[in-house]
Amino acid sequence: MSQARPKPQVLTLTEAAAERLREIMENADKPIAGLKIGVKKGGCAGMEYTMDYVEEPNPSDDKVEQDGVTVFIDPSAVLFLLGTRMDYKIDKLQSGFVFENPNQVSACGCGESVELRPADLQTA
């Protein structure tokens, strides 16, 4: 009898990303269960990442719990985010979340949008 392959991790967080998410959740105007990440069509490269507060979790969302924070993944984004590492970076001119996504084919020059391909589940 063959063993089922373990489910691949959709998203992982760096320590900096988890710390920033904890700060956001602690300072929110109302209690939130976590942050929801997805993708939508838009921008010059074709797709944009989305992030929204989650007050009431949707049971169909994938759930990532790491370092004391919860991130929900929109089901329609799972194949585009599979294997992604979410970081939070601060430099002299800006700060924000950065996605290191193995499914990214290209990005626009301004960095606001990306071209993504669905993950190959045979290699994931």
PDB file of N, CA and C in Angstrom:
ATOM      1  N   MET A   1       0.852  -1.177   0.000  1.00  0.00           N
ATOM      2  CA  MET A   1       0.000   0.000   0.000  1.00  0.00           C
ATOM      3  C   MET A   1       0.897   1.239   0.000  1.00  0.00           C
ATOM      4  N   SER A   2       0.650   2.146  -0.893  1.00  0.00           N
ATOM      5  CA  SER A   2       1.485   3.347  -0.979  1.00  0.00           C
ATOM      6  C   SER A   2       1.029   4.385   0.053  1.00  0.00           C
ATOM      7  N   GLN A   3       2.013   5.131   0.552  1.00  0.00           N
ATOM      8  CA  GLN A   3       1.703   6.176   1.521  1.00  0.00           C
ATOM      9  C   GLN A   3       1.318   7.446   0.788  1.00  0.00           C
ATOM     10  N   ALA A   4       0.399   8.178   1.375  1.00  0.00           N
ATOM     11  CA  ALA A   4       0.008   9.463   0.805  1.00  0.00           C
ATOM     12  C   ALA A   4       1.161  10.440   0.969  1.00  0.00           C
ATOM     13  N   ARG A   5       1.402  11.198  -0.077  1.00  0.00           N
ATOM     14  CA  ARG A   5       2.443  12.214  -0.022  1.00  0.00           C
ATOM     15  C   ARG A   5       1.997  13.341   0.894  1.00  0.00           C
ATOM     16  N   PRO A   6       2.898  13.880   1.731  1.00  0.00           N
ATOM     17  CA  PRO A   6       2.486  14.976   2.614  1.00  0.00           C
ATOM     18  C   PRO A   6       2.055  16.191   1.795  1.00  0.00           C
ATOM     19  N   LYS A   7       1.077  16.897   2.325  1.00  0.00           N
ATOM     20  CA  LYS A   7       0.569  18.088   1.652  1.00  0.00           C
ATOM     21  C   LYS A   7       1.647  19.172   1.678  1.00  0.00           C
ATOM     22  N   PRO A   8       1.989  19.731   0.503  1.00  0.00           N
ATOM     23  CA  PRO A   8       3.023  20.778   0.497  1.00  0.00           C
ATOM     24  C   PRO A   8       2.560  22.042   1.213  1.00  0.00           C
ATOM     25  N   GLN A   9       3.506  22.738   1.835  1.00  0.00           N
ATOM     26  CA  GLN A   9       3.216  23.988   2.533  1.00  0.00           C
ATOM     27  C   GLN A   9       2.943  25.074   1.490  1.00  0.00           C
ATOM     28  N   VAL A  10       1.802  25.729   1.595  1.00  0.00           N
ATOM     29  CA  VAL A  10       1.454  26.784   0.648  1.00  0.00           C
ATOM     30  C   VAL A  10       2.334  28.001   0.864  1.00  0.00           C
ATOM     31  N   LEU A  11       2.522  28.390   2.114  1.00  0.00           N
ATOM     32  CA  LEU A  11       3.207  29.634   2.427  1.00  0.00           C
ATOM     33  C   LEU A  11       3.969  29.481   3.734  1.00  0.00           C
ATOM     34  N   THR A  12       5.164  30.050   3.792  1.00  0.00           N
ATOM     35  CA  THR A  12       5.896  30.140   5.046  1.00  0.00           C
ATOM     36  C   THR A  12       6.205  31.608   5.305  1.00  0.00           C
ATOM     37  N   LEU A  13       6.411  31.932   6.558  1.00  0.00           N
ATOM     38  CA  LEU A  13       6.696  33.307   6.966  1.00  0.00           C
ATOM     39  C   LEU A  13       8.108  33.405   7.524  1.00  0.00           C
ATOM     40  N   THR A  14       8.772  34.506   7.229  1.00  0.00           N
ATOM     41  CA  THR A  14      10.029  34.771   7.914  1.00  0.00           C
ATOM     42  C   THR A  14       9.694  35.302   9.297  1.00  0.00           C
ATOM     43  N   GLU A  15      10.690  35.342  10.162  1.00  0.00           N
ATOM     44  CA  GLU A  15      10.482  35.892  11.496  1.00  0.00           C
ATOM     45  C   GLU A  15      10.027  37.359  11.421  1.00  0.00           C
ATOM     46  N   ALA A  16      10.609  38.111  10.475  1.00  0.00           N
ATOM     47  CA  ALA A  16      10.239  39.529  10.322  1.00  0.00           C
ATOM     48  C   ALA A  16       8.785  39.678   9.890  1.00  0.00           C
ATOM     49  N   ALA A  17       8.319  38.814   8.982  1.00  0.00           N
ATOM     50  CA  ALA A  17       6.927  38.877   8.532  1.00  0.00           C
ATOM     51  C   ALA A  17       5.977  38.526   9.671  1.00  0.00           C
ATOM     52  N   ALA A  18       6.303  37.484  10.422  1.00  0.00           N
ATOM     53  CA  ALA A  18       5.446  37.090  11.544  1.00  0.00           C
ATOM     54  C   ALA A  18       5.381  38.197  12.589  1.00  0.00           C
ATOM     55  N   GLU A  19       6.517  38.817  12.877  1.00  0.00           N
ATOM     56  CA  GLU A  19       6.547  39.903  13.860  1.00  0.00           C
ATOM     57  C   GLU A  19       5.682  41.075  13.403  1.00  0.00           C
ATOM     58  N   ARG A  20       5.784  41.446  12.133  1.00  0.00           N
ATOM     59  CA  ARG A  20       4.980  42.562  11.620  1.00  0.00           C
ATOM     60  C   ARG A  20       3.496  42.207  11.634  1.00  0.00           C
ATOM     61  N   LEU A  21       3.155  40.980  11.294  1.00  0.00           N
ATOM     62  CA  LEU A  21       1.747  40.558  11.341  1.00  0.00           C
ATOM     63  C   LEU A  21       1.208  40.606  12.766  1.00  0.00           C
ATOM     64  N   ARG A  22       2.015  40.199  13.750  1.00  0.00           N
ATOM     65  CA  ARG A  22       1.581  40.288  15.151  1.00  0.00           C
ATOM     66  C   ARG A  22       1.296  41.739  15.522  1.00  0.00           C
ATOM     67  N   GLU A  23       2.174  42.663  15.107  1.00  0.00           N
ATOM     68  CA  GLU A  23       1.962  44.088  15.392  1.00  0.00           C
ATOM     69  C   GLU A  23       0.664  44.581  14.758  1.00  0.00           C
ATOM     70  N   ILE A  24       0.426  44.197  13.518  1.00  0.00           N
ATOM     71  CA  ILE A  24      -0.792  44.620  12.818  1.00  0.00           C
ATOM     72  C   ILE A  24      -2.020  44.097  13.552  1.00  0.00           C
ATOM     73  N   MET A  25      -1.992  42.831  13.928  1.00  0.00           N
ATOM     74  CA  MET A  25      -3.146  42.236  14.600  1.00  0.00           C
ATOM     75  C   MET A  25      -3.391  42.874  15.967  1.00  0.00           C
ATOM     76  N   GLU A  26      -2.327  43.159  16.701  1.00  0.00           N
ATOM     77  CA  GLU A  26      -2.464  43.770  18.022  1.00  0.00           C
ATOM     78  C   GLU A  26      -2.989  45.199  17.936  1.00  0.00           C
ATOM     79  N   ASN A  27      -2.687  45.906  16.860  1.00  0.00           N
ATOM     80  CA  ASN A  27      -3.074  47.305  16.708  1.00  0.00           C
ATOM     81  C   ASN A  27      -4.325  47.513  15.860  1.00  0.00           C
ATOM     82  N   ALA A  28      -4.977  46.439  15.454  1.00  0.00           N
ATOM     83  CA  ALA A  28      -6.188  46.558  14.638  1.00  0.00           C
ATOM     84  C   ALA A  28      -7.309  47.200  15.457  1.00  0.00           C
ATOM     85  N   ASP A  29      -8.194  47.913  14.772  1.00  0.00           N
ATOM     86  CA  ASP A  29      -9.319  48.589  15.428  1.00  0.00           C
ATOM     87  C   ASP A  29     -10.298  47.612  16.065  1.00  0.00           C
ATOM     88  N   LYS A  30     -10.387  46.423  15.489  1.00  0.00           N
ATOM     89  CA  LYS A  30     -11.275  45.397  16.028  1.00  0.00           C
ATOM     90  C   LYS A  30     -10.542  44.067  15.980  1.00  0.00           C
ATOM     91  N   PRO A  31     -10.996  43.101  16.750  1.00  0.00           N
ATOM     92  CA  PRO A  31     -10.305  41.811  16.764  1.00  0.00           C
ATOM     93  C   PRO A  31     -10.304  41.155  15.388  1.00  0.00           C
ATOM     94  N   ILE A  32      -9.143  40.649  14.986  1.00  0.00           N
ATOM     95  CA  ILE A  32      -9.051  39.937  13.718  1.00  0.00           C
ATOM     96  C   ILE A  32      -8.440  38.567  13.967  1.00  0.00           C
ATOM     97  N   ALA A  33      -8.892  37.592  13.164  1.00  0.00           N
ATOM     98  CA  ALA A  33      -8.412  36.222  13.309  1.00  0.00           C
ATOM     99  C   ALA A  33      -7.094  36.008  12.574  1.00  0.00           C
ATOM    100  N   GLY A  34      -6.800  36.877  11.627  1.00  0.00           N
ATOM    101  CA  GLY A  34      -5.571  36.735  10.851  1.00  0.00           C
ATOM    102  C   GLY A  34      -5.625  37.589   9.602  1.00  0.00           C
ATOM    103  N   LEU A  35      -4.748  37.264   8.685  1.00  0.00           N
ATOM    104  CA  LEU A  35      -4.638  37.980   7.427  1.00  0.00           C
ATOM    105  C   LEU A  35      -4.906  36.998   6.301  1.00  0.00           C
ATOM    106  N   LYS A  36      -5.668  37.422   5.303  1.00  0.00           N
ATOM    107  CA  LYS A  36      -5.962  36.561   4.159  1.00  0.00           C
ATOM    108  C   LYS A  36      -5.146  37.032   2.966  1.00  0.00           C
ATOM    109  N   ILE A  37      -4.471  36.096   2.325  1.00  0.00           N
ATOM    110  CA  ILE A  37      -3.649  36.402   1.164  1.00  0.00           C
ATOM    111  C   ILE A  37      -4.253  35.728  -0.054  1.00  0.00           C
ATOM    112  N   GLY A  38      -4.271  36.474  -1.140  1.00  0.00           N
ATOM    113  CA  GLY A  38      -4.773  35.946  -2.407  1.00  0.00           C
ATOM    114  C   GLY A  38      -4.063  36.612  -3.563  1.00  0.00           C
ATOM    115  N   VAL A  39      -4.550  36.350  -4.749  1.00  0.00           N
ATOM    116  CA  VAL A  39      -4.049  37.015  -5.944  1.00  0.00           C
ATOM    117  C   VAL A  39      -5.256  37.433  -6.769  1.00  0.00           C
ATOM    118  N   LYS A  40      -5.077  38.505  -7.533  1.00  0.00           N
ATOM    119  CA  LYS A  40      -6.140  38.948  -8.429  1.00  0.00           C
ATOM    120  C   LYS A  40      -5.498  39.422  -9.723  1.00  0.00           C
ATOM    121  N   LYS A  41      -6.312  39.473 -10.769  1.00  0.00           N
ATOM    122  CA  LYS A  41      -5.821  39.996 -12.036  1.00  0.00           C
ATOM    123  C   LYS A  41      -5.661  41.497 -11.909  1.00  0.00           C
ATOM    124  N   GLY A  42      -4.546  42.001 -12.446  1.00  0.00           N
ATOM    125  CA  GLY A  42      -4.331  43.439 -12.402  1.00  0.00           C
ATOM    126  C   GLY A  42      -2.872  43.790 -12.589  1.00  0.00           C
ATOM    127  N   GLY A  43      -2.622  45.064 -12.745  1.00  0.00           N
ATOM    128  CA  GLY A  43      -1.261  45.547 -12.920  1.00  0.00           C
ATOM    129  C   GLY A  43      -0.721  45.235 -14.303  1.00  0.00           C
ATOM    130  N   CYS A  44       0.423  45.811 -14.606  1.00  0.00           N
ATOM    131  CA  CYS A  44       0.973  45.651 -15.949  1.00  0.00           C
ATOM    132  C   CYS A  44       1.553  44.266 -16.208  1.00  0.00           C
ATOM    133  N   ALA A  45       1.879  43.500 -15.160  1.00  0.00           N
ATOM    134  CA  ALA A  45       2.412  42.153 -15.348  1.00  0.00           C
ATOM    135  C   ALA A  45       1.310  41.088 -15.309  1.00  0.00           C
ATOM    136  N   GLY A  46       0.092  41.462 -14.920  1.00  0.00           N
ATOM    137  CA  GLY A  46      -1.027  40.534 -15.001  1.00  0.00           C
ATOM    138  C   GLY A  46      -1.678  40.132 -13.696  1.00  0.00           C
ATOM    139  N   MET A  47      -0.928  40.095 -12.579  1.00  0.00           N
ATOM    140  CA  MET A  47      -1.521  39.685 -11.312  1.00  0.00           C
ATOM    141  C   MET A  47      -0.945  40.511 -10.170  1.00  0.00           C
ATOM    142  N   GLU A  48      -1.742  40.638  -9.115  1.00  0.00           N
ATOM    143  CA  GLU A  48      -1.321  41.366  -7.916  1.00  0.00           C
ATOM    144  C   GLU A  48      -1.656  40.525  -6.694  1.00  0.00           C
ATOM    145  N   TYR A  49      -0.819  40.623  -5.693  1.00  0.00           N
ATOM    146  CA  TYR A  49      -1.119  39.974  -4.416  1.00  0.00           C
ATOM    147  C   TYR A  49      -2.163  40.816  -3.687  1.00  0.00           C
ATOM    148  N   THR A  50      -3.040  40.140  -2.946  1.00  0.00           N
ATOM    149  CA  THR A  50      -4.024  40.838  -2.118  1.00  0.00           C
ATOM    150  C   THR A  50      -3.827  40.417  -0.665  1.00  0.00           C
ATOM    151  N   MET A  51      -4.092  41.335   0.242  1.00  0.00           N
ATOM    152  CA  MET A  51      -4.040  41.050   1.673  1.00  0.00           C
ATOM    153  C   MET A  51      -5.201  41.769   2.335  1.00  0.00           C
ATOM    154  N   ASP A  52      -5.964  41.029   3.126  1.00  0.00           N
ATOM    155  CA  ASP A  52      -7.127  41.579   3.821  1.00  0.00           C
ATOM    156  C   ASP A  52      -7.206  41.012   5.228  1.00  0.00           C
ATOM    157  N   TYR A  53      -7.777  41.797   6.132  1.00  0.00           N
ATOM    158  CA  TYR A  53      -8.043  41.305   7.485  1.00  0.00           C
ATOM    159  C   TYR A  53      -9.117  40.231   7.431  1.00  0.00           C
ATOM    160  N   VAL A  54      -9.011  39.261   8.327  1.00  0.00           N
ATOM    161  CA  VAL A  54     -10.030  38.224   8.460  1.00  0.00           C
ATOM    162  C   VAL A  54     -10.617  38.335   9.858  1.00  0.00           C
ATOM    163  N   GLU A  55     -11.916  38.634   9.912  1.00  0.00           N
ATOM    164  CA  GLU A  55     -12.608  38.642  11.197  1.00  0.00           C
ATOM    165  C   GLU A  55     -13.205  37.272  11.478  1.00  0.00           C
ATOM    166  N   GLU A  56     -13.856  36.699  10.475  1.00  0.00           N
ATOM    167  CA  GLU A  56     -14.467  35.372  10.578  1.00  0.00           C
ATOM    168  C   GLU A  56     -13.834  34.482   9.518  1.00  0.00           C
ATOM    169  N   PRO A  57     -13.070  33.471   9.924  1.00  0.00           N
ATOM    170  CA  PRO A  57     -12.422  32.598   8.946  1.00  0.00           C
ATOM    171  C   PRO A  57     -13.425  31.848   8.075  1.00  0.00           C
ATOM    172  N   ASN A  58     -13.052  31.656   6.822  1.00  0.00           N
ATOM    173  CA  ASN A  58     -13.835  30.870   5.877  1.00  0.00           C
ATOM    174  C   ASN A  58     -13.277  29.448   5.924  1.00  0.00           C
ATOM    175  N   PRO A  59     -14.108  28.447   6.197  1.00  0.00           N
ATOM    176  CA  PRO A  59     -13.594  27.076   6.326  1.00  0.00           C
ATOM    177  C   PRO A  59     -12.924  26.557   5.055  1.00  0.00           C
ATOM    178  N   SER A  60     -13.198  27.140   3.902  1.00  0.00           N
ATOM    179  CA  SER A  60     -12.578  26.659   2.664  1.00  0.00           C
ATOM    180  C   SER A  60     -11.175  27.231   2.438  1.00  0.00           C
ATOM    181  N   ASP A  61     -10.772  28.234   3.227  1.00  0.00           N
ATOM    182  CA  ASP A  61      -9.433  28.801   3.096  1.00  0.00           C
ATOM    183  C   ASP A  61      -8.385  27.844   3.675  1.00  0.00           C
ATOM    184  N   ASP A  62      -7.216  27.789   3.035  1.00  0.00           N
ATOM    185  CA  ASP A  62      -6.082  27.106   3.651  1.00  0.00           C
ATOM    186  C   ASP A  62      -5.640  27.955   4.836  1.00  0.00           C
ATOM    187  N   LYS A  63      -5.124  27.321   5.853  1.00  0.00           N
ATOM    188  CA  LYS A  63      -4.740  28.045   7.064  1.00  0.00           C
ATOM    189  C   LYS A  63      -3.280  27.741   7.381  1.00  0.00           C
ATOM    190  N   VAL A  64      -2.497  28.796   7.559  1.00  0.00           N
ATOM    191  CA  VAL A  64      -1.093  28.667   7.933  1.00  0.00           C
ATOM    192  C   VAL A  64      -0.935  29.317   9.303  1.00  0.00           C
ATOM    193  N   GLU A  65      -0.503  28.532  10.282  1.00  0.00           N
ATOM    194  CA  GLU A  65      -0.241  29.055  11.620  1.00  0.00           C
ATOM    195  C   GLU A  65       1.246  28.913  11.883  1.00  0.00           C
ATOM    196  N   GLN A  66       1.875  30.036  12.135  1.00  0.00           N
ATOM    197  CA  GLN A  66       3.321  30.026  12.342  1.00  0.00           C
ATOM    198  C   GLN A  66       3.711  31.183  13.247  1.00  0.00           C
ATOM    199  N   ASP A  67       4.566  30.932  14.198  1.00  0.00           N
ATOM    200  CA  ASP A  67       5.121  31.961  15.080  1.00  0.00           C
ATOM    201  C   ASP A  67       4.056  32.858  15.710  1.00  0.00           C
ATOM    202  N   GLY A  68       2.931  32.261  16.083  1.00  0.00           N
ATOM    203  CA  GLY A  68       1.903  33.012  16.782  1.00  0.00           C
ATOM    204  C   GLY A  68       0.966  33.830  15.910  1.00  0.00           C
ATOM    205  N   VAL A  69       1.032  33.670  14.596  1.00  0.00           N
ATOM    206  CA  VAL A  69       0.112  34.381  13.703  1.00  0.00           C
ATOM    207  C   VAL A  69      -0.586  33.382  12.789  1.00  0.00           C
ATOM    208  N   THR A  70      -1.730  33.800  12.280  1.00  0.00           N
ATOM    209  CA  THR A  70      -2.497  32.968  11.365  1.00  0.00           C
ATOM    210  C   THR A  70      -2.678  33.708  10.054  1.00  0.00           C
ATOM    211  N   VAL A  71      -2.369  32.998   8.978  1.00  0.00           N
ATOM    212  CA  VAL A  71      -2.567  33.527   7.626  1.00  0.00           C
ATOM    213  C   VAL A  71      -3.507  32.570   6.920  1.00  0.00           C
ATOM    214  N   PHE A  72      -4.520  33.127   6.282  1.00  0.00           N
ATOM    215  CA  PHE A  72      -5.469  32.344   5.509  1.00  0.00           C
ATOM    216  C   PHE A  72      -5.158  32.545   4.026  1.00  0.00           C
ATOM    217  N   ILE A  73      -5.272  31.480   3.248  1.00  0.00           N
ATOM    218  CA  ILE A  73      -4.981  31.538   1.822  1.00  0.00           C
ATOM    219  C   ILE A  73      -6.269  31.312   1.053  1.00  0.00           C
ATOM    220  N   ASP A  74      -6.597  32.270   0.182  1.00  0.00           N
ATOM    221  CA  ASP A  74      -7.773  32.149  -0.669  1.00  0.00           C
ATOM    222  C   ASP A  74      -7.615  30.877  -1.515  1.00  0.00           C
ATOM    223  N   PRO A  75      -8.640  30.015  -1.562  1.00  0.00           N
ATOM    224  CA  PRO A  75      -8.519  28.759  -2.308  1.00  0.00           C
ATOM    225  C   PRO A  75      -8.134  28.958  -3.779  1.00  0.00           C
ATOM    226  N   SER A  76      -8.592  30.038  -4.393  1.00  0.00           N
ATOM    227  CA  SER A  76      -8.260  30.269  -5.805  1.00  0.00           C
ATOM    228  C   SER A  76      -6.808  30.681  -5.998  1.00  0.00           C
ATOM    229  N   ALA A  77      -6.091  30.991  -4.924  1.00  0.00           N
ATOM    230  CA  ALA A  77      -4.696  31.424  -5.018  1.00  0.00           C
ATOM    231  C   ALA A  77      -3.699  30.329  -4.657  1.00  0.00           C
ATOM    232  N   VAL A  78      -4.159  29.214  -4.132  1.00  0.00           N
ATOM    233  CA  VAL A  78      -3.254  28.194  -3.611  1.00  0.00           C
ATOM    234  C   VAL A  78      -2.219  27.755  -4.646  1.00  0.00           C
ATOM    235  N   LEU A  79      -2.635  27.421  -5.854  1.00  0.00           N
ATOM    236  CA  LEU A  79      -1.682  26.945  -6.860  1.00  0.00           C
ATOM    237  C   LEU A  79      -0.687  28.019  -7.282  1.00  0.00           C
ATOM    238  N   PHE A  80      -1.062  29.286  -7.150  1.00  0.00           N
ATOM    239  CA  PHE A  80      -0.148  30.372  -7.501  1.00  0.00           C
ATOM    240  C   PHE A  80       0.821  30.694  -6.361  1.00  0.00           C
ATOM    241  N   LEU A  81       0.468  30.308  -5.126  1.00  0.00           N
ATOM    242  CA  LEU A  81       1.282  30.639  -3.960  1.00  0.00           C
ATOM    243  C   LEU A  81       2.073  29.460  -3.400  1.00  0.00           C
ATOM    244  N   LEU A  82       1.847  28.273  -3.897  1.00  0.00           N
ATOM    245  CA  LEU A  82       2.476  27.072  -3.369  1.00  0.00           C
ATOM    246  C   LEU A  82       3.997  27.231  -3.303  1.00  0.00           C
ATOM    247  N   GLY A  83       4.551  27.101  -2.097  1.00  0.00           N
ATOM    248  CA  GLY A  83       5.988  27.219  -1.899  1.00  0.00           C
ATOM    249  C   GLY A  83       6.487  28.635  -1.660  1.00  0.00           C
ATOM    250  N   THR A  84       5.587  29.597  -1.526  1.00  0.00           N
ATOM    251  CA  THR A  84       5.974  31.005  -1.358  1.00  0.00           C
ATOM    252  C   THR A  84       6.476  31.281   0.055  1.00  0.00           C
ATOM    253  N   ARG A  85       7.458  32.152   0.136  1.00  0.00           N
ATOM    254  CA  ARG A  85       7.993  32.624   1.416  1.00  0.00           C
ATOM    255  C   ARG A  85       7.644  34.103   1.524  1.00  0.00           C
ATOM    256  N   MET A  86       6.966  34.469   2.607  1.00  0.00           N
ATOM    257  CA  MET A  86       6.557  35.851   2.835  1.00  0.00           C
ATOM    258  C   MET A  86       7.518  36.490   3.827  1.00  0.00           C
ATOM    259  N   ASP A  87       8.071  37.638   3.444  1.00  0.00           N
ATOM    260  CA  ASP A  87       9.027  38.349   4.283  1.00  0.00           C
ATOM    261  C   ASP A  87       8.516  39.772   4.492  1.00  0.00           C
ATOM    262  N   TYR A  88       9.105  40.468   5.440  1.00  0.00           N
ATOM    263  CA  TYR A  88       8.824  41.882   5.657  1.00  0.00           C
ATOM    264  C   TYR A  88      10.163  42.586   5.642  1.00  0.00           C
ATOM    265  N   LYS A  89      10.311  43.552   4.729  1.00  0.00           N
ATOM    266  CA  LYS A  89      11.590  44.235   4.571  1.00  0.00           C
ATOM    267  C   LYS A  89      11.425  45.735   4.779  1.00  0.00           C
ATOM    268  N   ILE A  90      12.459  46.319   5.360  1.00  0.00           N
ATOM    269  CA  ILE A  90      12.514  47.767   5.573  1.00  0.00           C
ATOM    270  C   ILE A  90      13.818  48.250   4.957  1.00  0.00           C
ATOM    271  N   ASP A  91      13.717  49.257   4.087  1.00  0.00           N
ATOM    272  CA  ASP A  91      14.936  49.897   3.593  1.00  0.00           C
ATOM    273  C   ASP A  91      14.790  51.407   3.740  1.00  0.00           C
ATOM    274  N   LYS A  92      15.709  52.144   3.189  1.00  0.00           N
ATOM    275  CA  LYS A  92      15.721  53.598   3.406  1.00  0.00           C
ATOM    276  C   LYS A  92      14.481  54.305   2.895  1.00  0.00           C
ATOM    277  N   LEU A  93      13.884  53.810   1.817  1.00  0.00           N
ATOM    278  CA  LEU A  93      12.768  54.519   1.200  1.00  0.00           C
ATOM    279  C   LEU A  93      11.406  53.868   1.371  1.00  0.00           C
ATOM    280  N   GLN A  94      11.369  52.602   1.752  1.00  0.00           N
ATOM    281  CA  GLN A  94      10.069  51.947   1.863  1.00  0.00           C
ATOM    282  C   GLN A  94      10.130  50.744   2.790  1.00  0.00           C
ATOM    283  N   SER A  95       8.960  50.268   3.154  1.00  0.00           N
ATOM    284  CA  SER A  95       8.856  49.034   3.918  1.00  0.00           C
ATOM    285  C   SER A  95       7.616  48.304   3.437  1.00  0.00           C
ATOM    286  N   GLY A  96       7.620  46.992   3.562  1.00  0.00           N
ATOM    287  CA  GLY A  96       6.446  46.239   3.162  1.00  0.00           C
ATOM    288  C   GLY A  96       6.713  44.757   3.082  1.00  0.00           C
ATOM    289  N   PHE A  97       5.637  44.023   2.847  1.00  0.00           N
ATOM    290  CA  PHE A  97       5.728  42.582   2.695  1.00  0.00           C
ATOM    291  C   PHE A  97       6.265  42.264   1.306  1.00  0.00           C
ATOM    292  N   VAL A  98       7.106  41.248   1.252  1.00  0.00           N
ATOM    293  CA  VAL A  98       7.724  40.808   0.013  1.00  0.00           C
ATOM    294  C   VAL A  98       7.445  39.319  -0.127  1.00  0.00           C
ATOM    295  N   PHE A  99       7.057  38.912  -1.326  1.00  0.00           N
ATOM    296  CA  PHE A  99       6.759  37.511  -1.588  1.00  0.00           C
ATOM    297  C   PHE A  99       7.857  36.911  -2.453  1.00  0.00           C
ATOM    298  N   GLU A 100       8.526  35.897  -1.934  1.00  0.00           N
ATOM    299  CA  GLU A 100       9.516  35.144  -2.696  1.00  0.00           C
ATOM    300  C   GLU A 100       8.790  33.902  -3.195  1.00  0.00           C
ATOM    301  N   ASN A 101       8.333  33.980  -4.450  1.00  0.00           N
ATOM    302  CA  ASN A 101       7.404  33.002  -4.992  1.00  0.00           C
ATOM    303  C   ASN A 101       8.053  32.209  -6.123  1.00  0.00           C
ATOM    304  N   PRO A 102       8.198  30.879  -5.962  1.00  0.00           N
ATOM    305  CA  PRO A 102       8.806  30.070  -7.018  1.00  0.00           C
ATOM    306  C   PRO A 102       7.940  29.988  -8.276  1.00  0.00           C
ATOM    307  N   ASN A 103       6.696  30.404  -8.192  1.00  0.00           N
ATOM    308  CA  ASN A 103       5.781  30.365  -9.335  1.00  0.00           C
ATOM    309  C   ASN A 103       5.772  31.673 -10.117  1.00  0.00           C
ATOM    310  N   GLN A 104       6.592  32.624  -9.690  1.00  0.00           N
ATOM    311  CA  GLN A 104       6.651  33.922 -10.369  1.00  0.00           C
ATOM    312  C   GLN A 104       7.506  33.788 -11.624  1.00  0.00           C
ATOM    313  N   VAL A 105       6.939  34.200 -12.747  1.00  0.00           N
ATOM    314  CA  VAL A 105       7.629  34.148 -14.031  1.00  0.00           C
ATOM    315  C   VAL A 105       8.347  35.467 -14.292  1.00  0.00           C
ATOM    316  N   SER A 106       7.686  36.578 -13.958  1.00  0.00           N
ATOM    317  CA  SER A 106       8.279  37.902 -14.148  1.00  0.00           C
ATOM    318  C   SER A 106       7.541  38.902 -13.271  1.00  0.00           C
ATOM    319  N   ALA A 107       8.063  40.139 -13.248  1.00  0.00           N
ATOM    320  CA  ALA A 107       7.435  41.215 -12.481  1.00  0.00           C
ATOM    321  C   ALA A 107       7.541  42.500 -13.281  1.00  0.00           C
ATOM    322  N   CYS A 108       6.659  43.428 -13.019  1.00  0.00           N
ATOM    323  CA  CYS A 108       6.737  44.720 -13.694  1.00  0.00           C
ATOM    324  C   CYS A 108       7.881  45.534 -13.094  1.00  0.00           C
ATOM    325  N   GLY A 109       8.286  46.551 -13.764  1.00  0.00           N
ATOM    326  CA  GLY A 109       9.404  47.374 -13.313  1.00  0.00           C
ATOM    327  C   GLY A 109       9.161  48.078 -11.994  1.00  0.00           C
ATOM    328  N   CYS A 110       7.913  48.438 -11.706  1.00  0.00           N
ATOM    329  CA  CYS A 110       7.623  49.153 -10.459  1.00  0.00           C
ATOM    330  C   CYS A 110       7.451  48.211  -9.270  1.00  0.00           C
ATOM    331  N   GLY A 111       7.347  46.905  -9.539  1.00  0.00           N
ATOM    332  CA  GLY A 111       7.231  45.933  -8.464  1.00  0.00           C
ATOM    333  C   GLY A 111       5.834  45.785  -7.889  1.00  0.00           C
ATOM    334  N   GLU A 112       4.838  46.379  -8.527  1.00  0.00           N
ATOM    335  CA  GLU A 112       3.476  46.306  -8.004  1.00  0.00           C
ATOM    336  C   GLU A 112       2.705  45.083  -8.488  1.00  0.00           C
ATOM    337  N   SER A 113       3.133  44.485  -9.597  1.00  0.00           N
ATOM    338  CA  SER A 113       2.416  43.325 -10.099  1.00  0.00           C
ATOM    339  C   SER A 113       3.405  42.286 -10.612  1.00  0.00           C
ATOM    340  N   VAL A 114       2.917  41.060 -10.741  1.00  0.00           N
ATOM    341  CA  VAL A 114       3.755  39.932 -11.128  1.00  0.00           C
ATOM    342  C   VAL A 114       3.026  39.066 -12.142  1.00  0.00           C
ATOM    343  N   GLU A 115       3.802  38.256 -12.833  1.00  0.00           N
ATOM    344  CA  GLU A 115       3.219  37.222 -13.677  1.00  0.00           C
ATOM    345  C   GLU A 115       3.466  35.921 -12.944  1.00  0.00           C
ATOM    346  N   LEU A 116       2.390  35.170 -12.685  1.00  0.00           N
ATOM    347  CA  LEU A 116       2.484  33.905 -11.956  1.00  0.00           C
ATOM    348  C   LEU A 116       1.973  32.772 -12.821  1.00  0.00           C
ATOM    349  N   ARG A 117       2.547  31.602 -12.623  1.00  0.00           N
ATOM    350  CA  ARG A 117       2.022  30.396 -13.249  1.00  0.00           C
ATOM    351  C   ARG A 117       1.609  29.453 -12.123  1.00  0.00           C
ATOM    352  N   PRO A 118       0.602  28.631 -12.341  1.00  0.00           N
ATOM    353  CA  PRO A 118       0.221  27.681 -11.291  1.00  0.00           C
ATOM    354  C   PRO A 118       1.364  26.710 -11.015  1.00  0.00           C
ATOM    355  N   ALA A 119       1.489  26.279  -9.775  1.00  0.00           N
ATOM    356  CA  ALA A 119       2.532  25.329  -9.388  1.00  0.00           C
ATOM    357  C   ALA A 119       2.294  23.994 -10.078  1.00  0.00           C
ATOM    358  N   ASP A 120       3.382  23.307 -10.396  1.00  0.00           N
ATOM    359  CA  ASP A 120       3.330  21.963 -10.941  1.00  0.00           C
ATOM    360  C   ASP A 120       3.230  21.003  -9.769  1.00  0.00           C
ATOM    361  N   LEU A 121       2.087  20.417  -9.585  1.00  0.00           N
ATOM    362  CA  LEU A 121       1.871  19.544  -8.427  1.00  0.00           C
ATOM    363  C   LEU A 121       2.704  18.275  -8.473  1.00  0.00           C
ATOM    364  N   GLN A 122       3.219  17.926  -9.638  1.00  0.00           N
ATOM    365  CA  GLN A 122       4.075  16.741  -9.736  1.00  0.00           C
ATOM    366  C   GLN A 122       5.408  16.949  -9.042  1.00  0.00           C
ATOM    367  N   THR A 123       5.894  18.207  -9.021  1.00  0.00           N
ATOM    368  CA  THR A 123       7.194  18.499  -8.414  1.00  0.00           C
ATOM    369  C   THR A 123       7.061  19.156  -7.055  1.00  0.00           C
ATOM    370  N   ALA A 124       5.861  19.597  -6.698  1.00  0.00           N
ATOM    371  CA  ALA A 124       5.661  20.325  -5.429  1.00  0.00           C
ATOM    372  C   ALA A 124       5.791  19.408  -4.243  1.00  0.00           C
TER     373      ALA A 124
END
